[in-house]
PDB file of all heavy atoms in Angstrom:
ATOM      1  N   THR A   1       2.118 -18.552  -9.281  1.00  0.00           N
ATOM      2  CA  THR A   1       1.057 -17.735  -8.704  1.00  0.00           C
ATOM      3  C   THR A   1       0.867 -18.064  -7.228  1.00  0.00           C
ATOM      4  O   THR A   1       0.718 -17.173  -6.390  1.00  0.00           O
ATOM      5  CB  THR A   1      -0.276 -17.954  -9.462  1.00  0.00           C
ATOM      6  OG1 THR A   1      -0.062 -17.649 -10.827  1.00  0.00           O
ATOM      7  CG2 THR A   1      -1.379 -17.098  -8.902  1.00  0.00           C
ATOM      8  N   SER A   2       0.919 -19.332  -6.897  1.00  0.00           N
ATOM      9  CA  SER A   2       0.778 -19.749  -5.507  1.00  0.00           C
ATOM     10  C   SER A   2       1.914 -19.213  -4.650  1.00  0.00           C
ATOM     11  O   SER A   2       1.691 -18.701  -3.550  1.00  0.00           O
ATOM     12  CB  SER A   2       0.739 -21.277  -5.439  1.00  0.00           C
ATOM     13  OG  SER A   2       0.814 -21.719  -4.119  1.00  0.00           O
ATOM     14  N   LEU A   3       3.127 -19.296  -5.152  1.00  0.00           N
ATOM     15  CA  LEU A   3       4.271 -18.783  -4.410  1.00  0.00           C
ATOM     16  C   LEU A   3       4.173 -17.277  -4.218  1.00  0.00           C
ATOM     17  O   LEU A   3       4.468 -16.750  -3.154  1.00  0.00           O
ATOM     18  CB  LEU A   3       5.577 -19.119  -5.136  1.00  0.00           C
ATOM     19  CG  LEU A   3       6.035 -20.566  -5.078  1.00  0.00           C
ATOM     20  CD1 LEU A   3       7.237 -20.773  -5.993  1.00  0.00           C
ATOM     21  CD2 LEU A   3       6.378 -20.952  -3.651  1.00  0.00           C
ATOM     22  N   CYS A   4       3.765 -16.572  -5.256  1.00  0.00           N
ATOM     23  CA  CYS A   4       3.678 -15.113  -5.176  1.00  0.00           C
ATOM     24  C   CYS A   4       2.623 -14.682  -4.167  1.00  0.00           C
ATOM     25  O   CYS A   4       2.811 -13.731  -3.438  1.00  0.00           O
ATOM     26  CB  CYS A   4       3.356 -14.514  -6.544  1.00  0.00           C
ATOM     27  SG  CYS A   4       4.733 -14.660  -7.699  1.00  0.00           S
ATOM     28  N   SER A   5       1.493 -15.378  -4.128  1.00  0.00           N
ATOM     29  CA  SER A   5       0.437 -14.961  -3.224  1.00  0.00           C
ATOM     30  C   SER A   5       0.785 -15.253  -1.769  1.00  0.00           C
ATOM     31  O   SER A   5       0.273 -14.612  -0.870  1.00  0.00           O
ATOM     32  CB  SER A   5      -0.889 -15.637  -3.599  1.00  0.00           C
ATOM     33  OG  SER A   5      -0.776 -17.032  -3.425  1.00  0.00           O
ATOM     34  N   CYS A   6       1.700 -16.201  -1.537  1.00  0.00           N
ATOM     35  CA  CYS A   6       2.062 -16.514  -0.162  1.00  0.00           C
ATOM     36  C   CYS A   6       3.234 -15.690   0.339  1.00  0.00           C
ATOM     37  O   CYS A   6       3.498 -15.651   1.526  1.00  0.00           O
ATOM     38  CB  CYS A   6       2.420 -17.993  -0.047  1.00  0.00           C
ATOM     39  SG  CYS A   6       1.031 -19.079  -0.327  1.00  0.00           S
ATOM     40  N   SER A   7       3.956 -15.048  -0.560  1.00  0.00           N
ATOM     41  CA  SER A   7       5.170 -14.363  -0.145  1.00  0.00           C
ATOM     42  C   SER A   7       4.916 -12.972   0.421  1.00  0.00           C
ATOM     43  O   SER A   7       5.797 -12.389   1.004  1.00  0.00           O
ATOM     44  CB  SER A   7       6.144 -14.266  -1.321  1.00  0.00           C
ATOM     45  OG  SER A   7       5.581 -13.451  -2.335  1.00  0.00           O
ATOM     46  N   GLY A   8       3.708 -12.423   0.227  1.00  0.00           N
ATOM     47  CA  GLY A   8       3.409 -11.089   0.743  1.00  0.00           C
ATOM     48  C   GLY A   8       3.324 -11.104   2.252  1.00  0.00           C
ATOM     49  O   GLY A   8       2.895 -12.075   2.863  1.00  0.00           O
ATOM     50  N   LYS A   9       3.743  -9.988   2.869  1.00  0.00           N
ATOM     51  CA  LYS A   9       3.708  -9.949   4.326  1.00  0.00           C
ATOM     52  C   LYS A   9       2.288  -9.702   4.814  1.00  0.00           C
ATOM     53  O   LYS A   9       1.490  -9.042   4.159  1.00  0.00           O
ATOM     54  CB  LYS A   9       4.657  -8.883   4.857  1.00  0.00           C
ATOM     55  CG  LYS A   9       4.309  -7.458   4.455  1.00  0.00           C
ATOM     56  CD  LYS A   9       5.307  -6.498   5.044  1.00  0.00           C
ATOM     57  CE  LYS A   9       4.886  -5.071   4.695  1.00  0.00           C
ATOM     58  NZ  LYS A   9       5.699  -4.080   5.344  1.00  0.00           N
ATOM     59  N   ASN A  10       1.978 -10.258   5.950  1.00  0.00           N
ATOM     60  CA  ASN A  10       0.664 -10.088   6.550  1.00  0.00           C
ATOM     61  C   ASN A  10       0.717  -8.824   7.405  1.00  0.00           C
ATOM     62  O   ASN A  10       1.381  -8.787   8.420  1.00  0.00           O
ATOM     63  CB  ASN A  10       0.314 -11.318   7.393  1.00  0.00           C
ATOM     64  CG  ASN A  10      -1.112 -11.279   7.867  1.00  0.00           C
ATOM     65  OD1 ASN A  10      -1.911 -10.478   7.390  1.00  0.00           O
ATOM     66  ND2 ASN A  10      -1.430 -12.156   8.801  1.00  0.00           N
ATOM     67  N   VAL A  11       0.025  -7.791   6.964  1.00  0.00           N
ATOM     68  CA  VAL A  11       0.078  -6.494   7.614  1.00  0.00           C
ATOM     69  C   VAL A  11      -1.238  -6.250   8.337  1.00  0.00           C
ATOM     70  O   VAL A  11      -2.308  -6.541   7.824  1.00  0.00           O
ATOM     71  CB  VAL A  11       0.308  -5.371   6.573  1.00  0.00           C
ATOM     72  CG1 VAL A  11       0.321  -4.013   7.229  1.00  0.00           C
ATOM     73  CG2 VAL A  11       1.591  -5.612   5.817  1.00  0.00           C
ATOM     74  N   SER A  12      -1.140  -5.722   9.548  1.00  0.00           N
ATOM     75  CA  SER A  12      -2.354  -5.317  10.265  1.00  0.00           C
ATOM     76  C   SER A  12      -2.283  -3.814  10.505  1.00  0.00           C
ATOM     77  O   SER A  12      -1.208  -3.218  10.564  1.00  0.00           O
ATOM     78  CB  SER A  12      -2.496  -6.086  11.572  1.00  0.00           C
ATOM     79  OG  SER A  12      -1.371  -5.902  12.384  1.00  0.00           O
ATOM     80  N   TYR A  13      -3.468  -3.212  10.622  1.00  0.00           N
ATOM     81  CA  TYR A  13      -3.563  -1.761  10.717  1.00  0.00           C
ATOM     82  C   TYR A  13      -4.223  -1.331  12.019  1.00  0.00           C
ATOM     83  O   TYR A  13      -5.123  -1.992  12.522  1.00  0.00           O
ATOM     84  CB  TYR A  13      -4.352  -1.208   9.529  1.00  0.00           C
ATOM     85  CG  TYR A  13      -3.727  -1.551   8.207  1.00  0.00           C
ATOM     86  CD1 TYR A  13      -4.300  -2.496   7.369  1.00  0.00           C
ATOM     87  CD2 TYR A  13      -2.542  -0.945   7.805  1.00  0.00           C
ATOM     88  CE1 TYR A  13      -3.704  -2.811   6.154  1.00  0.00           C
ATOM     89  CE2 TYR A  13      -1.949  -1.265   6.599  1.00  0.00           C
ATOM     90  CZ  TYR A  13      -2.536  -2.206   5.776  1.00  0.00           C
ATOM     91  OH  TYR A  13      -1.938  -2.524   4.585  1.00  0.00           O
ATOM     92  N   GLN A  14      -3.756  -0.189  12.524  1.00  0.00           N
ATOM     93  CA  GLN A  14      -4.329   0.411  13.724  1.00  0.00           C
ATOM     94  C   GLN A  14      -5.601   1.162  13.330  1.00  0.00           C
ATOM     95  O   GLN A  14      -5.653   1.801  12.284  1.00  0.00           O
ATOM     96  CB  GLN A  14      -3.347   1.409  14.335  1.00  0.00           C
ATOM     97  CG  GLN A  14      -2.049   0.795  14.783  1.00  0.00           C
ATOM     98  CD  GLN A  14      -1.111   1.855  15.319  1.00  0.00           C
ATOM     99  OE1 GLN A  14      -1.475   2.623  16.199  1.00  0.00           O
ATOM    100  NE2 GLN A  14       0.090   1.909  14.770  1.00  0.00           N
ATOM    101  N   ASP A  15      -6.608   1.096  14.187  1.00  0.00           N
ATOM    102  CA  ASP A  15      -7.831   1.851  13.946  1.00  0.00           C
ATOM    103  C   ASP A  15      -7.529   3.339  13.995  1.00  0.00           C
ATOM    104  O   ASP A  15      -6.667   3.794  14.742  1.00  0.00           O
ATOM    105  CB  ASP A  15      -8.888   1.509  14.992  1.00  0.00           C
ATOM    106  CG  ASP A  15      -9.452   0.103  14.820  1.00  0.00           C
ATOM    107  OD1 ASP A  15      -9.094  -0.574  13.838  1.00  0.00           O
ATOM    108  OD2 ASP A  15     -10.254  -0.308  15.672  1.00  0.00           O
ATOM    109  N   GLY A  16      -8.239   4.089  13.162  1.00  0.00           N
ATOM    110  CA  GLY A  16      -8.061   5.534  13.136  1.00  0.00           C
ATOM    111  C   GLY A  16      -8.298   6.079  11.744  1.00  0.00           C
ATOM    112  O   GLY A  16      -8.699   5.364  10.827  1.00  0.00           O
ATOM    113  N   THR A  17      -8.046   7.359  11.590  1.00  0.00           N
ATOM    114  CA  THR A  17      -8.163   8.028  10.293  1.00  0.00           C
ATOM    115  C   THR A  17      -6.780   8.474   9.863  1.00  0.00           C
ATOM    116  O   THR A  17      -6.036   9.068  10.649  1.00  0.00           O
ATOM    117  CB  THR A  17      -9.122   9.235  10.387  1.00  0.00           C
ATOM    118  OG1 THR A  17     -10.400   8.762  10.826  1.00  0.00           O
ATOM    119  CG2 THR A  17      -9.283   9.910   9.040  1.00  0.00           C
ATOM    120  N   TYR A  18      -6.448   8.174   8.617  1.00  0.00           N
ATOM    121  CA  TYR A  18      -5.108   8.428   8.104  1.00  0.00           C
ATOM    122  C   TYR A  18      -5.189   9.140   6.757  1.00  0.00           C
ATOM    123  O   TYR A  18      -6.022   8.797   5.924  1.00  0.00           O
ATOM    124  CB  TYR A  18      -4.333   7.117   7.956  1.00  0.00           C
ATOM    125  CG  TYR A  18      -4.230   6.363   9.257  1.00  0.00           C
ATOM    126  CD1 TYR A  18      -5.195   5.430   9.615  1.00  0.00           C
ATOM    127  CD2 TYR A  18      -3.193   6.628  10.137  1.00  0.00           C
ATOM    128  CE1 TYR A  18      -5.121   4.758  10.824  1.00  0.00           C
ATOM    129  CE2 TYR A  18      -3.106   5.955  11.350  1.00  0.00           C
ATOM    130  CZ  TYR A  18      -4.074   5.027  11.683  1.00  0.00           C
ATOM    131  OH  TYR A  18      -3.997   4.369  12.880  1.00  0.00           O
ATOM    132  N   GLU A  19      -4.296  10.101   6.580  1.00  0.00           N
ATOM    133  CA  GLU A  19      -4.224  10.820   5.307  1.00  0.00           C
ATOM    134  C   GLU A  19      -2.986  10.381   4.555  1.00  0.00           C
ATOM    135  O   GLU A  19      -1.918  10.210   5.138  1.00  0.00           O
ATOM    136  CB  GLU A  19      -4.169  12.326   5.538  1.00  0.00           C
ATOM    137  CG  GLU A  19      -4.099  13.118   4.227  1.00  0.00           C
ATOM    138  CD  GLU A  19      -4.079  14.616   4.444  1.00  0.00           C
ATOM    139  OE1 GLU A  19      -5.155  15.176   4.676  1.00  0.00           O
ATOM    140  OE2 GLU A  19      -2.967  15.192   4.390  1.00  0.00           O
ATOM    141  N   GLY A  20      -3.147  10.188   3.260  1.00  0.00           N
ATOM    142  CA  GLY A  20      -2.026   9.867   2.393  1.00  0.00           C
ATOM    143  C   GLY A  20      -2.036  10.796   1.196  1.00  0.00           C
ATOM    144  O   GLY A  20      -3.095  11.249   0.757  1.00  0.00           O
ATOM    145  N   LYS A  21      -0.867  11.072   0.691  1.00  0.00           N
ATOM    146  CA  LYS A  21      -0.735  12.005  -0.427  1.00  0.00           C
ATOM    147  C   LYS A  21       0.217  11.423  -1.464  1.00  0.00           C
ATOM    148  O   LYS A  21       1.229  10.822  -1.115  1.00  0.00           O
ATOM    149  CB  LYS A  21      -0.193  13.338   0.100  1.00  0.00           C
ATOM    150  CG  LYS A  21      -0.079  14.425  -0.927  1.00  0.00           C
ATOM    151  CD  LYS A  21       0.391  15.719  -0.263  1.00  0.00           C
ATOM    152  CE  LYS A  21       0.670  16.800  -1.271  1.00  0.00           C
ATOM    153  NZ  LYS A  21       1.194  18.025  -0.651  1.00  0.00           N
ATOM    154  N   SER A  22      -0.132  11.621  -2.731  1.00  0.00           N
ATOM    155  CA  SER A  22       0.763  11.187  -3.797  1.00  0.00           C
ATOM    156  C   SER A  22       1.769  12.294  -4.077  1.00  0.00           C
ATOM    157  O   SER A  22       1.559  13.453  -3.724  1.00  0.00           O
ATOM    158  CB  SER A  22      -0.034  10.873  -5.070  1.00  0.00           C
ATOM    159  OG  SER A  22      -0.523  12.059  -5.669  1.00  0.00           O
ATOM    160  N   GLU A  23       2.829  11.928  -4.716  1.00  0.00           N
ATOM    161  CA  GLU A  23       3.793  12.914  -5.185  1.00  0.00           C
ATOM    162  C   GLU A  23       3.134  13.708  -6.312  1.00  0.00           C
ATOM    163  O   GLU A  23       2.287  13.171  -7.026  1.00  0.00           O
ATOM    164  CB  GLU A  23       5.060  12.234  -5.699  1.00  0.00           C
ATOM    165  CG  GLU A  23       5.891  11.598  -4.607  1.00  0.00           C
ATOM    166  CD  GLU A  23       6.467  12.613  -3.635  1.00  0.00           C
ATOM    167  OE1 GLU A  23       6.938  13.674  -4.082  1.00  0.00           O
ATOM    168  OE2 GLU A  23       6.443  12.345  -2.427  1.00  0.00           O
ATOM    169  N   PRO A  24       3.524  14.959  -6.496  1.00  0.00           N
ATOM    170  CA  PRO A  24       2.964  15.739  -7.604  1.00  0.00           C
ATOM    171  C   PRO A  24       3.268  15.078  -8.942  1.00  0.00           C
ATOM    172  O   PRO A  24       4.371  14.586  -9.164  1.00  0.00           O
ATOM    173  CB  PRO A  24       3.670  17.088  -7.495  1.00  0.00           C
ATOM    174  CG  PRO A  24       4.103  17.175  -6.079  1.00  0.00           C
ATOM    175  CD  PRO A  24       4.416  15.763  -5.660  1.00  0.00           C
ATOM    176  N   TYR A  25       2.261  15.053  -9.789  1.00  0.00           N
ATOM    177  CA  TYR A  25       2.405  14.513 -11.135  1.00  0.00           C
ATOM    178  C   TYR A  25       2.426  15.682 -12.097  1.00  0.00           C
ATOM    179  O   TYR A  25       1.553  16.539 -12.059  1.00  0.00           O
ATOM    180  CB  TYR A  25       1.236  13.583 -11.473  1.00  0.00           C
ATOM    181  CG  TYR A  25       1.316  13.030 -12.870  1.00  0.00           C
ATOM    182  CD1 TYR A  25       2.077  11.901 -13.134  1.00  0.00           C
ATOM    183  CD2 TYR A  25       0.668  13.645 -13.925  1.00  0.00           C
ATOM    184  CE1 TYR A  25       2.179  11.398 -14.424  1.00  0.00           C
ATOM    185  CE2 TYR A  25       0.766  13.150 -15.209  1.00  0.00           C
ATOM    186  CZ  TYR A  25       1.512  12.019 -15.447  1.00  0.00           C
ATOM    187  OH  TYR A  25       1.615  11.536 -16.716  1.00  0.00           O
ATOM    188  N   GLU A  26       3.432  15.711 -12.932  1.00  0.00           N
ATOM    189  CA  GLU A  26       3.547  16.805 -13.887  1.00  0.00           C
ATOM    190  C   GLU A  26       3.552  16.249 -15.297  1.00  0.00           C
ATOM    191  O   GLU A  26       4.344  15.378 -15.618  1.00  0.00           O
ATOM    192  CB  GLU A  26       4.824  17.609 -13.630  1.00  0.00           C
ATOM    193  CG  GLU A  26       4.830  18.262 -12.268  1.00  0.00           C
ATOM    194  CD  GLU A  26       6.033  19.161 -12.047  1.00  0.00           C
ATOM    195  OE1 GLU A  26       6.396  19.888 -12.984  1.00  0.00           O
ATOM    196  OE2 GLU A  26       6.583  19.116 -10.950  1.00  0.00           O
ATOM    197  N   THR A  27       2.634  16.757 -16.116  1.00  0.00           N
ATOM    198  CA  THR A  27       2.619  16.364 -17.520  1.00  0.00           C
ATOM    199  C   THR A  27       3.625  17.205 -18.270  1.00  0.00           C
ATOM    200  O   THR A  27       4.019  18.271 -17.819  1.00  0.00           O
ATOM    201  CB  THR A  27       1.222  16.569 -18.135  1.00  0.00           C
ATOM    202  OG1 THR A  27       0.835  17.932 -17.962  1.00  0.00           O
ATOM    203  CG2 THR A  27       0.198  15.661 -17.487  1.00  0.00           C
ATOM    204  N   GLU A  28       4.037  16.710 -19.418  1.00  0.00           N
ATOM    205  CA  GLU A  28       4.991  17.451 -20.237  1.00  0.00           C
ATOM    206  C   GLU A  28       4.244  18.459 -21.100  1.00  0.00           C
ATOM    207  O   GLU A  28       3.086  18.275 -21.432  1.00  0.00           O
ATOM    208  CB  GLU A  28       5.788  16.487 -21.101  1.00  0.00           C
ATOM    209  CG  GLU A  28       6.691  15.591 -20.266  1.00  0.00           C
ATOM    210  CD  GLU A  28       7.559  14.706 -21.122  1.00  0.00           C
ATOM    211  OE1 GLU A  28       7.827  15.048 -22.281  1.00  0.00           O
ATOM    212  OE2 GLU A  28       7.979  13.665 -20.604  1.00  0.00           O
TER     213      GLU A  28
END
């Protein structure tokens, strides 16, 4: 658990407004 929590990259974000969209989900 300790190794996993340290292995993630440290990401920083630019101020602003951002839109994100998921791929269409289709049920059968």
